Protein backbone atom coordinates (compact mmCIF):
# COMPACT_ATOMS: atom_id res chain seq x y z
CA UNK A 1 68.02 -11.02 21.07
CA UNK A 2 65.83 -9.11 18.68
CA UNK A 3 64.03 -9.69 15.44
CA UNK A 4 65.40 -7.50 12.86
CA UNK A 5 64.02 -9.13 9.77
CA UNK A 6 61.42 -11.24 8.32
CA UNK A 7 61.71 -13.42 5.24
CA UNK A 8 60.05 -15.89 2.99
CA UNK A 9 61.57 -18.77 0.97
CA UNK A 10 60.71 -18.99 -2.63
CA UNK A 11 60.74 -22.31 -4.72
CA UNK A 12 64.19 -21.64 -6.12
CA UNK A 13 65.72 -21.61 -2.58
CA UNK A 14 66.00 -17.91 -2.41
CA UNK A 15 64.90 -15.97 0.67
CA UNK A 16 63.27 -12.65 0.29
CA UNK A 17 62.39 -9.80 3.06
CA UNK A 18 63.34 -6.87 4.86
CA UNK A 19 65.71 -5.80 7.58
CA UNK A 20 64.71 -3.10 9.97
CA UNK A 21 66.78 -1.55 12.71
CA UNK A 22 67.39 1.88 14.09
CA UNK A 23 69.97 2.45 11.43
CA UNK A 24 68.87 0.08 8.59
CA UNK A 25 65.85 0.06 6.44
CA UNK A 26 66.37 -2.28 3.81
CA UNK A 27 63.48 -3.78 1.83
CA UNK A 28 63.62 -6.50 -0.73
CA UNK A 29 66.60 -8.11 0.67
CA UNK A 30 67.59 -11.34 -1.13
CA UNK A 31 69.52 -14.46 0.18
CA UNK A 32 70.66 -16.36 -2.62
CA UNK A 33 72.20 -19.95 -2.58
CA UNK A 34 75.71 -19.68 -4.17
CA UNK A 35 75.55 -22.38 -6.81
CA UNK A 36 79.27 -22.09 -7.34
CA UNK A 37 81.23 -21.44 -4.46
CA UNK A 38 84.92 -20.52 -5.06
CA UNK A 39 86.16 -22.90 -2.56
CA UNK A 40 85.12 -25.54 -0.14
CA UNK A 41 84.62 -23.39 3.11
CA UNK A 42 83.27 -20.55 1.16
CA UNK A 43 79.77 -19.01 2.11
CA UNK A 44 76.75 -21.00 1.18
CA UNK A 45 74.63 -17.70 0.35
CA UNK A 46 75.06 -14.19 -0.80
CA UNK A 47 72.91 -11.24 0.47
CA UNK A 48 71.82 -8.72 -2.07
CA UNK A 49 69.74 -5.49 -1.95
CA UNK A 50 69.23 -4.77 -5.54
CA UNK A 51 72.39 -5.27 -7.35
CA UNK A 52 74.68 -4.50 -4.25
CA UNK A 53 75.98 -7.35 -2.30
CA UNK A 54 75.95 -6.59 1.45
CA UNK A 55 76.97 -9.78 3.00
CA UNK A 56 77.26 -13.61 2.96
CA UNK A 57 75.60 -16.55 5.05
CA UNK A 58 76.52 -19.97 5.89
CA UNK A 59 74.46 -22.91 6.38
CA UNK A 60 74.64 -24.25 10.02
CA UNK A 61 73.12 -26.54 12.32
CA UNK A 62 72.19 -26.13 15.96
CA UNK A 63 73.14 -28.67 18.72
CA UNK A 64 69.56 -29.66 18.60
CA UNK A 65 69.86 -30.61 15.07
CA UNK A 66 67.89 -27.38 13.81
CA UNK A 67 69.29 -25.88 10.36
CA UNK A 68 69.67 -22.28 9.97
CA UNK A 69 71.78 -19.46 8.36
CA UNK A 70 74.45 -17.52 10.05
CA UNK A 71 74.59 -14.17 8.24
CA UNK A 72 77.14 -11.54 8.18
CA UNK A 73 75.93 -7.98 6.79
CA UNK A 74 78.41 -5.17 6.25
CA UNK A 75 78.25 -1.88 4.52
CA UNK A 76 80.71 1.09 4.35
CA UNK A 77 78.25 3.29 6.39
CA UNK A 78 78.17 0.85 9.26
CA UNK A 79 80.59 1.12 12.22
CA UNK A 80 80.82 -2.77 12.48
CA UNK A 81 79.32 -5.72 10.60
CA UNK A 82 75.76 -6.98 11.70
CA UNK A 83 75.80 -10.87 12.78
CA UNK A 84 72.53 -12.52 12.92
CA UNK A 85 70.88 -15.87 12.26
CA UNK A 86 67.85 -16.87 10.06
CA UNK A 87 65.41 -19.37 11.74
CA UNK A 88 62.47 -20.96 10.08
CA UNK A 89 59.24 -20.17 11.92
CA UNK A 90 56.38 -22.46 12.48
CA UNK A 91 55.63 -24.49 9.54
CA UNK A 92 58.62 -23.18 7.56
CA UNK A 93 56.62 -20.63 5.66
CA UNK A 94 58.35 -17.62 7.34
CA UNK A 95 61.71 -17.01 8.63
CA UNK A 96 62.92 -14.64 11.46
CA UNK A 97 66.31 -12.86 11.26
CA UNK A 98 67.47 -12.80 14.94
CA UNK A 99 70.35 -10.49 16.16
CA UNK A 100 72.06 -10.59 19.47
CA UNK A 101 74.90 -8.55 20.80
CA UNK A 102 78.34 -10.45 21.39
CA UNK A 103 79.03 -11.04 24.82
CA UNK A 104 82.78 -10.35 24.20
CA UNK A 105 84.43 -7.89 26.50
CA UNK A 106 87.11 -5.25 26.05
CA UNK A 107 86.05 -4.04 22.68
CA UNK A 108 87.17 -7.05 20.85
């Protein structure tokens, strides 16, 4: 697991932060709640950099009852989407974007 981003939550429910990996240097990334999802099982949040939508997130809950967001970030320059989870830190003031490689075998 690796921390690839740090975020803060605004009063309007929006998360704002940066994502940094060897191949991605994205500043002012915004994760916005989707007020009018097109269908019941649609993502709960949209991920934007500037005006470009780069992904979506879904509200989830761990087996211990901890709420978090599951993100899928993609861009035409990526060889594959990035999957990560946004967890709150101590006191809920900061949030960490945690990435871990899938343990699937065989190029799936």
